[in-house]
Amino acid sequence: MNGQDAQQGPEPKRGGGRTPSIGDLFWVGTACAISVVAGGGLGYLADQAAHTTPWLTFAGLAFGIISAVMIAVRQFRRYL
Protein backbone atom coordinates (compact mmCIF):
# COMPACT_ATOMS: atom_id res chain seq x y z
CA MET A 1 0.00 0.00 0.00
CA ASN A 2 1.54 3.30 -1.02
CA GLY A 3 0.87 6.76 0.39
CA GLN A 4 -1.60 7.78 -2.32
CA ASP A 5 -4.09 5.02 -1.49
CA ALA A 6 -4.47 6.21 2.10
CA GLN A 7 -5.10 9.84 1.06
CA GLN A 8 -8.03 9.31 -1.32
CA GLY A 9 -10.72 9.46 1.34
CA PRO A 10 -14.15 7.81 1.34
CA GLU A 11 -15.84 6.68 -1.83
CA PRO A 12 -18.53 9.00 -3.22
CA LYS A 13 -22.16 8.07 -2.64
CA ARG A 14 -24.09 6.32 -5.42
CA GLY A 15 -26.67 9.09 -5.52
CA GLY A 16 -24.05 11.77 -5.83
CA GLY A 17 -24.97 13.22 -2.44
CA ARG A 18 -28.15 14.73 -3.89
CA THR A 19 -31.17 15.06 -1.63
CA PRO A 20 -34.70 14.62 -2.95
CA SER A 21 -36.52 17.82 -3.83
CA ILE A 22 -40.09 18.68 -2.91
CA GLY A 23 -41.10 17.73 -6.46
CA ASP A 24 -39.49 14.31 -6.12
CA LEU A 25 -41.27 13.66 -2.84
CA PHE A 26 -44.58 14.92 -4.24
CA TRP A 27 -44.24 12.62 -7.26
CA VAL A 28 -43.54 9.56 -5.10
CA GLY A 29 -46.48 10.31 -2.80
CA THR A 30 -48.82 10.88 -5.71
CA ALA A 31 -47.70 7.73 -7.51
CA CYS A 32 -48.17 5.67 -4.34
CA ALA A 33 -51.65 7.07 -3.73
CA ILE A 34 -52.69 6.43 -7.33
CA SER A 35 -51.37 2.85 -7.13
CA VAL A 36 -53.36 2.03 -4.01
CA VAL A 37 -56.58 3.71 -5.22
CA ALA A 38 -56.33 2.15 -8.70
CA GLY A 39 -55.64 -1.32 -7.29
CA GLY A 40 -58.55 -1.09 -4.87
CA GLY A 41 -60.84 0.37 -7.51
CA LEU A 42 -60.06 -2.30 -10.06
CA GLY A 43 -60.51 -4.98 -7.42
CA TYR A 44 -63.87 -3.50 -6.46
CA LEU A 45 -65.03 -3.41 -10.08
CA ALA A 46 -63.93 -7.02 -10.57
CA ASP A 47 -65.83 -7.95 -7.39
CA GLN A 48 -68.99 -6.36 -8.70
CA ALA A 49 -68.71 -8.26 -11.97
CA ALA A 50 -67.83 -11.63 -10.40
CA HIS A 51 -69.98 -11.32 -7.23
CA THR A 52 -67.07 -12.31 -5.01
CA THR A 53 -67.14 -9.35 -2.60
CA PRO A 54 -64.72 -8.59 -0.82
CA TRP A 55 -62.00 -10.96 -2.03
CA LEU A 56 -60.98 -9.28 -5.27
CA THR A 57 -61.08 -5.89 -3.55
CA PHE A 58 -58.57 -7.14 -1.01
CA ALA A 59 -56.43 -8.63 -3.76
CA GLY A 60 -56.52 -5.34 -5.68
CA LEU A 61 -55.58 -3.38 -2.57
CA ALA A 62 -52.71 -5.76 -1.87
CA PHE A 63 -51.49 -5.37 -5.45
CA GLY A 64 -51.74 -1.57 -5.15
CA ILE A 65 -49.83 -1.48 -1.87
CA ILE A 66 -47.09 -3.74 -3.20
CA SER A 67 -46.71 -1.64 -6.34
CA ALA A 68 -46.61 1.56 -4.24
CA VAL A 69 -43.80 0.16 -2.10
CA MET A 70 -41.89 -0.91 -5.21
CA ILE A 71 -42.26 2.58 -6.71
CA ALA A 72 -41.06 4.25 -3.52
CA VAL A 73 -38.08 1.93 -3.09
CA ARG A 74 -37.01 2.35 -6.71
CA GLN A 75 -37.17 6.14 -6.49
CA PHE A 76 -35.47 6.50 -3.11
CA ARG A 77 -32.60 4.14 -3.97
CA ARG A 78 -31.07 6.86 -6.10
CA TYR A 79 -30.60 9.00 -2.98
CA LEU A 80 -29.00 6.35 -0.76
PDB file of N, CA and C in Angstrom:
ATOM      1  N   MET A   1       0.855  -1.168   0.000  1.00  0.00           N
ATOM      2  CA  MET A   1       0.000   0.000   0.000  1.00  0.00           C
ATOM      3  C   MET A   1       0.901   1.231   0.000  1.00  0.00           C
ATOM      4  N   ASN A   2       0.712   2.095  -0.983  1.00  0.00           N
ATOM      5  CA  ASN A   2       1.538   3.300  -1.024  1.00  0.00           C
ATOM      6  C   ASN A   2       0.803   4.466  -0.368  1.00  0.00           C
ATOM      7  N   GLY A   3       1.427   5.607  -0.291  1.00  0.00           N
ATOM      8  CA  GLY A   3       0.874   6.760   0.391  1.00  0.00           C
ATOM      9  C   GLY A   3      -0.344   7.353  -0.293  1.00  0.00           C
ATOM     10  N   GLN A   4      -0.475   7.192  -1.605  1.00  0.00           N
ATOM     11  CA  GLN A   4      -1.601   7.783  -2.322  1.00  0.00           C
ATOM     12  C   GLN A   4      -2.915   7.072  -2.011  1.00  0.00           C
ATOM     13  N   ASP A   5      -2.876   5.758  -1.794  1.00  0.00           N
ATOM     14  CA  ASP A   5      -4.094   5.021  -1.494  1.00  0.00           C
ATOM     15  C   ASP A   5      -4.730   5.487  -0.186  1.00  0.00           C
ATOM     16  N   ALA A   6      -3.956   5.814   0.797  1.00  0.00           N
ATOM     17  CA  ALA A   6      -4.468   6.207   2.101  1.00  0.00           C
ATOM     18  C   ALA A   6      -5.042   7.626   2.076  1.00  0.00           C
ATOM     19  N   GLN A   7      -4.683   8.444   1.085  1.00  0.00           N
ATOM     20  CA  GLN A   7      -5.096   9.840   1.062  1.00  0.00           C
ATOM     21  C   GLN A   7      -6.344  10.092   0.219  1.00  0.00           C
ATOM     22  N   GLN A   8      -6.900   9.090  -0.427  1.00  0.00           N
ATOM     23  CA  GLN A   8      -8.026   9.313  -1.324  1.00  0.00           C
ATOM     24  C   GLN A   8      -9.319   9.627  -0.600  1.00  0.00           C
ATOM     25  N   GLY A   9      -9.512   9.164   0.586  1.00  0.00           N
ATOM     26  CA  GLY A   9     -10.724   9.455   1.340  1.00  0.00           C
ATOM     27  C   GLY A   9     -11.835   8.475   1.021  1.00  0.00           C
ATOM     28  N   PRO A  10     -13.024   8.740   1.553  1.00  0.00           N
ATOM     29  CA  PRO A  10     -14.155   7.812   1.345  1.00  0.00           C
ATOM     30  C   PRO A  10     -14.652   7.859  -0.089  1.00  0.00           C
ATOM     31  N   GLU A  11     -15.284   6.752  -0.486  1.00  0.00           N
ATOM     32  CA  GLU A  11     -15.843   6.682  -1.828  1.00  0.00           C
ATOM     33  C   GLU A  11     -17.069   7.583  -1.918  1.00  0.00           C
ATOM     34  N   PRO A  12     -17.329   8.160  -3.085  1.00  0.00           N
ATOM     35  CA  PRO A  12     -18.526   8.999  -3.223  1.00  0.00           C
ATOM     36  C   PRO A  12     -19.787   8.155  -3.145  1.00  0.00           C
ATOM     37  N   LYS A  13     -20.883   8.767  -2.730  1.00  0.00           N
ATOM     38  CA  LYS A  13     -22.162   8.066  -2.644  1.00  0.00           C
ATOM     39  C   LYS A  13     -22.670   7.742  -4.039  1.00  0.00           C
ATOM     40  N   ARG A  14     -23.507   6.686  -4.127  1.00  0.00           N
ATOM     41  CA  ARG A  14     -24.094   6.321  -5.416  1.00  0.00           C
ATOM     42  C   ARG A  14     -24.984   7.428  -5.956  1.00  0.00           C
ATOM     43  N   GLY A  15     -25.745   8.059  -5.094  1.00  0.00           N
ATOM     44  CA  GLY A  15     -26.672   9.086  -5.518  1.00  0.00           C
ATOM     45  C   GLY A  15     -26.020  10.434  -5.762  1.00  0.00           C
ATOM     46  N   GLY A  16     -24.731  10.516  -5.610  1.00  0.00           N
ATOM     47  CA  GLY A  16     -24.047  11.769  -5.834  1.00  0.00           C
ATOM     48  C   GLY A  16     -24.250  12.766  -4.712  1.00  0.00           C
ATOM     49  N   GLY A  17     -24.757  12.336  -3.559  1.00  0.00           N
ATOM     50  CA  GLY A  17     -24.972  13.225  -2.443  1.00  0.00           C
ATOM     51  C   GLY A  17     -26.178  14.140  -2.619  1.00  0.00           C
ATOM     52  N   ARG A  18     -26.979  13.903  -3.617  1.00  0.00           N
ATOM     53  CA  ARG A  18     -28.153  14.733  -3.886  1.00  0.00           C
ATOM     54  C   ARG A  18     -29.282  14.348  -2.946  1.00  0.00           C
ATOM     55  N   THR A  19     -30.000  15.328  -2.467  1.00  0.00           N
ATOM     56  CA  THR A  19     -31.166  15.062  -1.631  1.00  0.00           C
ATOM     57  C   THR A  19     -32.423  15.225  -2.479  1.00  0.00           C
ATOM     58  N   PRO A  20     -33.481  14.497  -2.158  1.00  0.00           N
ATOM     59  CA  PRO A  20     -34.703  14.619  -2.954  1.00  0.00           C
ATOM     60  C   PRO A  20     -35.338  16.000  -2.792  1.00  0.00           C
ATOM     61  N   SER A  21     -35.846  16.530  -3.875  1.00  0.00           N
ATOM     62  CA  SER A  21     -36.521  17.824  -3.829  1.00  0.00           C
ATOM     63  C   SER A  21     -37.985  17.631  -3.443  1.00  0.00           C
ATOM     64  N   ILE A  22     -38.664  18.737  -3.230  1.00  0.00           N
ATOM     65  CA  ILE A  22     -40.094  18.680  -2.912  1.00  0.00           C
ATOM     66  C   ILE A  22     -40.859  18.037  -4.065  1.00  0.00           C
ATOM     67  N   GLY A  23     -40.454  18.334  -5.296  1.00  0.00           N
ATOM     68  CA  GLY A  23     -41.105  17.733  -6.457  1.00  0.00           C
ATOM     69  C   GLY A  23     -40.934  16.231  -6.503  1.00  0.00           C
ATOM     70  N   ASP A  24     -39.723  15.749  -6.161  1.00  0.00           N
ATOM     71  CA  ASP A  24     -39.485  14.306  -6.121  1.00  0.00           C
ATOM     72  C   ASP A  24     -40.377  13.638  -5.080  1.00  0.00           C
ATOM     73  N   LEU A  25     -40.450  14.223  -3.902  1.00  0.00           N
ATOM     74  CA  LEU A  25     -41.272  13.655  -2.836  1.00  0.00           C
ATOM     75  C   LEU A  25     -42.755  13.700  -3.192  1.00  0.00           C
ATOM     76  N   PHE A  26     -43.189  14.802  -3.818  1.00  0.00           N
ATOM     77  CA  PHE A  26     -44.579  14.916  -4.238  1.00  0.00           C
ATOM     78  C   PHE A  26     -44.920  13.853  -5.274  1.00  0.00           C
ATOM     79  N   TRP A  27     -44.006  13.619  -6.226  1.00  0.00           N
ATOM     80  CA  TRP A  27     -44.242  12.622  -7.265  1.00  0.00           C
ATOM     81  C   TRP A  27     -44.363  11.233  -6.651  1.00  0.00           C
ATOM     82  N   VAL A  28     -43.485  10.892  -5.723  1.00  0.00           N
ATOM     83  CA  VAL A  28     -43.537   9.560  -5.103  1.00  0.00           C
ATOM     84  C   VAL A  28     -44.840   9.396  -4.323  1.00  0.00           C
ATOM     85  N   GLY A  29     -45.226  10.400  -3.564  1.00  0.00           N
ATOM     86  CA  GLY A  29     -46.476  10.313  -2.803  1.00  0.00           C
ATOM     87  C   GLY A  29     -47.689  10.181  -3.695  1.00  0.00           C
ATOM     88  N   THR A  30     -47.706  10.948  -4.773  1.00  0.00           N
ATOM     89  CA  THR A  30     -48.825  10.881  -5.712  1.00  0.00           C
ATOM     90  C   THR A  30     -48.887   9.523  -6.400  1.00  0.00           C
ATOM     91  N   ALA A  31     -47.737   9.030  -6.836  1.00  0.00           N
ATOM     92  CA  ALA A  31     -47.700   7.728  -7.511  1.00  0.00           C
ATOM     93  C   ALA A  31     -48.145   6.615  -6.567  1.00  0.00           C
ATOM     94  N   CYS A  32     -47.751   6.690  -5.302  1.00  0.00           N
ATOM     95  CA  CYS A  32     -48.167   5.674  -4.338  1.00  0.00           C
ATOM     96  C   CYS A  32     -49.671   5.734  -4.091  1.00  0.00           C
ATOM     97  N   ALA A  33     -50.208   6.933  -3.953  1.00  0.00           N
ATOM     98  CA  ALA A  33     -51.649   7.072  -3.728  1.00  0.00           C
ATOM     99  C   ALA A  33     -52.445   6.559  -4.923  1.00  0.00           C
ATOM    100  N   ILE A  34     -51.998   6.892  -6.123  1.00  0.00           N
ATOM    101  CA  ILE A  34     -52.695   6.433  -7.326  1.00  0.00           C
ATOM    102  C   ILE A  34     -52.640   4.909  -7.424  1.00  0.00           C
ATOM    103  N   SER A  35     -51.503   4.316  -7.077  1.00  0.00           N
ATOM    104  CA  SER A  35     -51.375   2.854  -7.131  1.00  0.00           C
ATOM    105  C   SER A  35     -52.363   2.168  -6.204  1.00  0.00           C
ATOM    106  N   VAL A  36     -52.468   2.664  -4.983  1.00  0.00           N
ATOM    107  CA  VAL A  36     -53.364   2.035  -4.009  1.00  0.00           C
ATOM    108  C   VAL A  36     -54.828   2.228  -4.417  1.00  0.00           C
ATOM    109  N   VAL A  37     -55.190   3.439  -4.824  1.00  0.00           N
ATOM    110  CA  VAL A  37     -56.579   3.708  -5.219  1.00  0.00           C
ATOM    111  C   VAL A  37     -56.943   2.924  -6.478  1.00  0.00           C
ATOM    112  N   ALA A  38     -56.041   2.885  -7.453  1.00  0.00           N
ATOM    113  CA  ALA A  38     -56.328   2.150  -8.698  1.00  0.00           C
ATOM    114  C   ALA A  38     -56.441   0.650  -8.431  1.00  0.00           C
ATOM    115  N   GLY A  39     -55.552   0.110  -7.606  1.00  0.00           N
ATOM    116  CA  GLY A  39     -55.641  -1.316  -7.288  1.00  0.00           C
ATOM    117  C   GLY A  39     -56.926  -1.665  -6.574  1.00  0.00           C
ATOM    118  N   GLY A  40     -57.293  -0.856  -5.583  1.00  0.00           N
ATOM    119  CA  GLY A  40     -58.547  -1.095  -4.869  1.00  0.00           C
ATOM    120  C   GLY A  40     -59.757  -0.901  -5.757  1.00  0.00           C
ATOM    121  N   GLY A  41     -59.720   0.118  -6.602  1.00  0.00           N
ATOM    122  CA  GLY A  41     -60.844   0.374  -7.507  1.00  0.00           C
ATOM    123  C   GLY A  41     -61.041  -0.732  -8.526  1.00  0.00           C
ATOM    124  N   LEU A  42     -59.949  -1.199  -9.101  1.00  0.00           N
ATOM    125  CA  LEU A  42     -60.057  -2.296 -10.063  1.00  0.00           C
ATOM    126  C   LEU A  42     -60.525  -3.583  -9.384  1.00  0.00           C
ATOM    127  N   GLY A  43     -60.047  -3.816  -8.174  1.00  0.00           N
ATOM    128  CA  GLY A  43     -60.511  -4.984  -7.424  1.00  0.00           C
ATOM    129  C   GLY A  43     -61.990  -4.901  -7.107  1.00  0.00           C
ATOM    130  N   TYR A  44     -62.441  -3.702  -6.751  1.00  0.00           N
ATOM    131  CA  TYR A  44     -63.868  -3.504  -6.462  1.00  0.00           C
ATOM    132  C   TYR A  44     -64.721  -3.746  -7.704  1.00  0.00           C
ATOM    133  N   LEU A  45     -64.289  -3.202  -8.841  1.00  0.00           N
ATOM    134  CA  LEU A  45     -65.034  -3.415 -10.085  1.00  0.00           C
ATOM    135  C   LEU A  45     -65.066  -4.893 -10.466  1.00  0.00           C
ATOM    136  N   ALA A  46     -63.958  -5.578 -10.274  1.00  0.00           N
ATOM    137  CA  ALA A  46     -63.931  -7.015 -10.569  1.00  0.00           C
ATOM    138  C   ALA A  46     -64.847  -7.775  -9.617  1.00  0.00           C
ATOM    139  N   ASP A  47     -64.914  -7.334  -8.353  1.00  0.00           N
ATOM    140  CA  ASP A  47     -65.833  -7.952  -7.386  1.00  0.00           C
ATOM    141  C   ASP A  47     -67.289  -7.779  -7.802  1.00  0.00           C
ATOM    142  N   GLN A  48     -67.611  -6.611  -8.275  1.00  0.00           N
ATOM    143  CA  GLN A  48     -68.986  -6.358  -8.696  1.00  0.00           C
ATOM    144  C   GLN A  48     -69.371  -7.236  -9.888  1.00  0.00           C
ATOM    145  N   ALA A  49     -68.426  -7.440 -10.782  1.00  0.00           N
ATOM    146  CA  ALA A  49     -68.708  -8.260 -11.965  1.00  0.00           C
ATOM    147  C   ALA A  49     -68.771  -9.748 -11.622  1.00  0.00           C
ATOM    148  N   ALA A  50     -67.917 -10.199 -10.699  1.00  0.00           N
ATOM    149  CA  ALA A  50     -67.834 -11.629 -10.398  1.00  0.00           C
ATOM    150  C   ALA A  50     -68.638 -12.028  -9.165  1.00  0.00           C
ATOM    151  N   HIS A  51     -69.209 -11.058  -8.447  1.00  0.00           N
ATOM    152  CA  HIS A  51     -69.981 -11.320  -7.231  1.00  0.00           C
ATOM    153  C   HIS A  51     -69.177 -12.103  -6.200  1.00  0.00           C
ATOM    154  N   THR A  52     -67.946 -11.643  -5.969  1.00  0.00           N
ATOM    155  CA  THR A  52     -67.066 -12.307  -5.008  1.00  0.00           C
ATOM    156  C   THR A  52     -66.672 -11.377  -3.870  1.00  0.00           C
ATOM    157  N   THR A  53     -67.476 -10.363  -3.601  1.00  0.00           N
ATOM    158  CA  THR A  53     -67.142  -9.349  -2.602  1.00  0.00           C
ATOM    159  C   THR A  53     -66.749  -9.995  -1.293  1.00  0.00           C
ATOM    160  N   PRO A  54     -65.734  -9.630  -0.634  1.00  0.00           N
ATOM    161  CA  PRO A  54     -64.724  -8.588  -0.816  1.00  0.00           C
ATOM    162  C   PRO A  54     -63.372  -9.115  -1.292  1.00  0.00           C
ATOM    163  N   TRP A  55     -63.297 -10.326  -1.793  1.00  0.00           N
ATOM    164  CA  TRP A  55     -61.996 -10.960  -2.030  1.00  0.00           C
ATOM    165  C   TRP A  55     -61.170 -10.278  -3.114  1.00  0.00           C
ATOM    166  N   LEU A  56     -61.762  -9.926  -4.221  1.00  0.00           N
ATOM    167  CA  LEU A  56     -60.976  -9.280  -5.267  1.00  0.00           C
ATOM    168  C   LEU A  56     -60.619  -7.834  -4.896  1.00  0.00           C
ATOM    169  N   THR A  57     -61.438  -7.220  -4.056  1.00  0.00           N
ATOM    170  CA  THR A  57     -61.084  -5.887  -3.548  1.00  0.00           C
ATOM    171  C   THR A  57     -59.830  -5.973  -2.699  1.00  0.00           C
ATOM    172  N   PHE A  58     -59.773  -6.958  -1.823  1.00  0.00           N
ATOM    173  CA  PHE A  58     -58.568  -7.144  -1.007  1.00  0.00           C
ATOM    174  C   PHE A  58     -57.355  -7.466  -1.864  1.00  0.00           C
ATOM    175  N   ALA A  59     -57.543  -8.296  -2.870  1.00  0.00           N
ATOM    176  CA  ALA A  59     -56.431  -8.627  -3.764  1.00  0.00           C
ATOM    177  C   ALA A  59     -55.957  -7.392  -4.525  1.00  0.00           C
ATOM    178  N   GLY A  60     -56.889  -6.570  -4.982  1.00  0.00           N
ATOM    179  CA  GLY A  60     -56.524  -5.340  -5.678  1.00  0.00           C
ATOM    180  C   GLY A  60     -55.797  -4.362  -4.775  1.00  0.00           C
ATOM    181  N   LEU A  61     -56.267  -4.241  -3.530  1.00  0.00           N
ATOM    182  CA  LEU A  61     -55.583  -3.379  -2.572  1.00  0.00           C
ATOM    183  C   LEU A  61     -54.173  -3.886  -2.279  1.00  0.00           C
ATOM    184  N   ALA A  62     -54.035  -5.190  -2.121  1.00  0.00           N
ATOM    185  CA  ALA A  62     -52.708  -5.762  -1.875  1.00  0.00           C
ATOM    186  C   ALA A  62     -51.781  -5.482  -3.057  1.00  0.00           C
ATOM    187  N   PHE A  63     -52.279  -5.662  -4.260  1.00  0.00           N
ATOM    188  CA  PHE A  63     -51.490  -5.368  -5.447  1.00  0.00           C
ATOM    189  C   PHE A  63     -51.094  -3.890  -5.490  1.00  0.00           C
ATOM    190  N   GLY A  64     -52.021  -3.004  -5.163  1.00  0.00           N
ATOM    191  CA  GLY A  64     -51.737  -1.572  -5.155  1.00  0.00           C
ATOM    192  C   GLY A  64     -50.703  -1.192  -4.116  1.00  0.00           C
ATOM    193  N   ILE A  65     -50.792  -1.770  -2.930  1.00  0.00           N
ATOM    194  CA  ILE A  65     -49.828  -1.476  -1.872  1.00  0.00           C
ATOM    195  C   ILE A  65     -48.447  -1.986  -2.242  1.00  0.00           C
ATOM    196  N   ILE A  66     -48.386  -3.195  -2.789  1.00  0.00           N
ATOM    197  CA  ILE A  66     -47.091  -3.745  -3.200  1.00  0.00           C
ATOM    198  C   ILE A  66     -46.465  -2.895  -4.302  1.00  0.00           C
ATOM    199  N   SER A  67     -47.259  -2.471  -5.257  1.00  0.00           N
ATOM    200  CA  SER A  67     -46.707  -1.642  -6.335  1.00  0.00           C
ATOM    201  C   SER A  67     -46.284  -0.274  -5.806  1.00  0.00           C
ATOM    202  N   ALA A  68     -47.002   0.284  -4.824  1.00  0.00           N
ATOM    203  CA  ALA A  68     -46.612   1.563  -4.236  1.00  0.00           C
ATOM    204  C   ALA A  68     -45.273   1.452  -3.512  1.00  0.00           C
ATOM    205  N   VAL A  69     -45.081   0.364  -2.783  1.00  0.00           N
ATOM    206  CA  VAL A  69     -43.801   0.159  -2.099  1.00  0.00           C
ATOM    207  C   VAL A  69     -42.669   0.007  -3.112  1.00  0.00           C
ATOM    208  N   MET A  70     -42.918  -0.726  -4.181  1.00  0.00           N
ATOM    209  CA  MET A  70     -41.887  -0.905  -5.208  1.00  0.00           C
ATOM    210  C   MET A  70     -41.535   0.421  -5.872  1.00  0.00           C
ATOM    211  N   ILE A  71     -42.518   1.263  -6.125  1.00  0.00           N
ATOM    212  CA  ILE A  71     -42.256   2.580  -6.714  1.00  0.00           C
ATOM    213  C   ILE A  71     -41.409   3.419  -5.769  1.00  0.00           C
ATOM    214  N   ALA A  72     -41.788   3.442  -4.491  1.00  0.00           N
ATOM    215  CA  ALA A  72     -41.063   4.254  -3.522  1.00  0.00           C
ATOM    216  C   ALA A  72     -39.626   3.774  -3.347  1.00  0.00           C
ATOM    217  N   VAL A  73     -39.433   2.466  -3.252  1.00  0.00           N
ATOM    218  CA  VAL A  73     -38.083   1.927  -3.088  1.00  0.00           C
ATOM    219  C   VAL A  73     -37.227   2.248  -4.302  1.00  0.00           C
ATOM    220  N   ARG A  74     -37.769   2.073  -5.493  1.00  0.00           N
ATOM    221  CA  ARG A  74     -37.009   2.349  -6.710  1.00  0.00           C
ATOM    222  C   ARG A  74     -36.597   3.824  -6.791  1.00  0.00           C
ATOM    223  N   GLN A  75     -37.487   4.725  -6.419  1.00  0.00           N
ATOM    224  CA  GLN A  75     -37.174   6.141  -6.490  1.00  0.00           C
ATOM    225  C   GLN A  75     -36.192   6.577  -5.413  1.00  0.00           C
ATOM    226  N   PHE A  76     -36.324   6.060  -4.197  1.00  0.00           N
ATOM    227  CA  PHE A  76     -35.465   6.504  -3.113  1.00  0.00           C
ATOM    228  C   PHE A  76     -34.093   5.845  -3.136  1.00  0.00           C
ATOM    229  N   ARG A  77     -33.925   4.757  -3.869  1.00  0.00           N
ATOM    230  CA  ARG A  77     -32.603   4.142  -3.972  1.00  0.00           C
ATOM    231  C   ARG A  77     -31.581   5.059  -4.606  1.00  0.00           C
ATOM    232  N   ARG A  78     -32.025   5.967  -5.460  1.00  0.00           N
ATOM    233  CA  ARG A  78     -31.069   6.859  -6.103  1.00  0.00           C
ATOM    234  C   ARG A  78     -30.509   7.893  -5.143  1.00  0.00           C
ATOM    235  N   TYR A  79     -31.085   8.028  -3.948  1.00  0.00           N
ATOM    236  CA  TYR A  79     -30.602   9.001  -2.975  1.00  0.00           C
ATOM    237  C   TYR A  79     -29.829   8.351  -1.832  1.00  0.00           C
ATOM    238  N   LEU A  80     -29.716   7.039  -1.826  1.00  0.00           N
ATOM    239  CA  LEU A  80     -28.997   6.347  -0.760  1.00  0.00           C
ATOM    240  C   LEU A  80     -27.531   6.236  -1.071  1.00  0.00           C
TER     241      LEU A  80
END
